[in-house]
Amino acid sequence: VKTVPLKYDRTGRGDKELLNELQTMQKLSHSNIVCYLGTEILDKELHLVMEYCAGGSLATLLHVMGALDEQIARIYTRDLV
């Protein structure tokens, strides 16, 4: 579960962008993309329920290791296609 604080503004633009992103996530189906399972809103927070991914995220890997070598970056990029 990933938690995102909801930010309300008068324009409603943030809500529209968030809804568009959720709709895109619902449509994605690929063996190398974490599966979106649903959402729940509690106490001004959006909880994204997603498939468990052992080993963490690419963002965590980058935070721990720093910039990836070009060869490694190619492997990750190739897996997305």
Protein backbone atom coordinates (compact mmCIF):
# COMPACT_ATOMS: atom_id res chain seq x y z
CA VAL A 1 0.00 0.00 0.00
CA LYS A 2 1.34 3.40 -0.98
CA THR A 3 -0.06 6.45 0.85
CA VAL A 4 -0.40 9.84 -0.86
CA PRO A 5 -1.55 12.93 1.06
CA LEU A 6 -4.48 14.60 -0.69
CA LYS A 7 -4.04 18.30 -1.37
CA TYR A 8 -7.18 20.20 -2.10
CA ASP A 9 -6.99 23.40 -4.12
CA ARG A 10 -9.64 25.67 -5.56
CA THR A 11 -8.86 24.83 -9.17
CA GLY A 12 -9.48 21.09 -8.80
CA ARG A 13 -6.58 20.58 -11.20
CA GLY A 14 -4.71 18.30 -8.78
CA ASP A 15 -7.76 16.07 -8.39
CA LYS A 16 -8.19 15.81 -12.16
CA GLU A 17 -4.54 14.87 -12.69
CA LEU A 18 -4.72 12.28 -9.92
CA LEU A 19 -7.87 10.72 -11.39
CA ASN A 20 -6.24 10.58 -14.84
CA GLU A 21 -3.22 8.82 -13.36
CA LEU A 22 -5.41 6.29 -11.52
CA GLN A 23 -7.33 5.55 -14.72
CA THR A 24 -4.04 4.96 -16.54
CA MET A 25 -2.83 2.63 -13.77
CA GLN A 26 -6.07 0.61 -14.00
CA LYS A 27 -5.50 0.03 -17.72
CA LEU A 28 -1.85 -1.08 -17.45
CA SER A 29 -1.22 -4.77 -17.80
CA HIS A 30 2.38 -5.87 -18.25
CA SER A 31 4.50 -8.51 -16.53
CA ASN A 32 7.16 -5.91 -15.65
CA ILE A 33 4.80 -3.28 -14.21
CA VAL A 34 3.44 -3.56 -10.67
CA CYS A 35 -0.27 -4.32 -10.79
CA TYR A 36 -2.71 -1.71 -9.44
CA LEU A 37 -5.40 -3.35 -7.28
CA GLY A 38 -7.47 -0.42 -5.99
CA THR A 39 -7.70 2.69 -3.82
CA GLU A 40 -9.18 3.85 -0.56
CA ILE A 41 -9.42 7.38 0.86
CA LEU A 42 -9.03 7.74 4.63
CA ASP A 43 -8.32 10.89 6.66
CA LYS A 44 -7.24 13.07 3.70
CA GLU A 45 -4.91 10.37 2.40
CA LEU A 46 -5.21 8.26 -0.72
CA HIS A 47 -4.09 4.67 -0.19
CA LEU A 48 -3.02 2.92 -3.39
CA VAL A 49 -3.24 -0.85 -3.11
CA MET A 50 -0.74 -2.47 -5.44
CA GLU A 51 0.80 -5.88 -6.03
CA TYR A 52 3.67 -6.76 -3.67
CA CYS A 53 7.05 -6.35 -5.31
CA ALA A 54 9.91 -8.16 -3.57
CA GLY A 55 13.19 -6.29 -3.70
CA GLY A 56 11.70 -2.80 -3.51
CA SER A 57 11.29 -0.15 -6.14
CA LEU A 58 13.64 1.29 -8.71
CA ALA A 59 13.50 4.56 -6.74
CA THR A 60 14.79 2.77 -3.64
CA LEU A 61 17.56 1.15 -5.66
CA LEU A 62 18.63 4.55 -7.03
CA HIS A 63 18.55 6.08 -3.55
CA VAL A 64 20.77 3.31 -2.14
CA MET A 65 23.16 2.83 -5.07
CA GLY A 66 23.12 6.23 -6.73
CA ALA A 67 23.22 6.59 -10.50
CA LEU A 68 23.14 3.30 -12.38
CA ASP A 69 25.82 2.24 -14.81
CA GLU A 70 24.60 2.60 -18.42
CA GLN A 71 24.62 -1.20 -18.94
CA ILE A 72 22.36 -1.73 -15.89
CA ALA A 73 20.07 1.14 -16.92
CA ARG A 74 19.64 -0.53 -20.32
CA ILE A 75 18.54 -3.77 -18.66
CA TYR A 76 15.89 -2.00 -16.57
CA THR A 77 14.70 0.03 -19.57
CA ARG A 78 14.50 -3.05 -21.79
CA ASP A 79 12.31 -4.78 -19.18
CA LEU A 80 9.75 -1.95 -19.47
CA VAL A 81 9.20 -2.40 -23.20
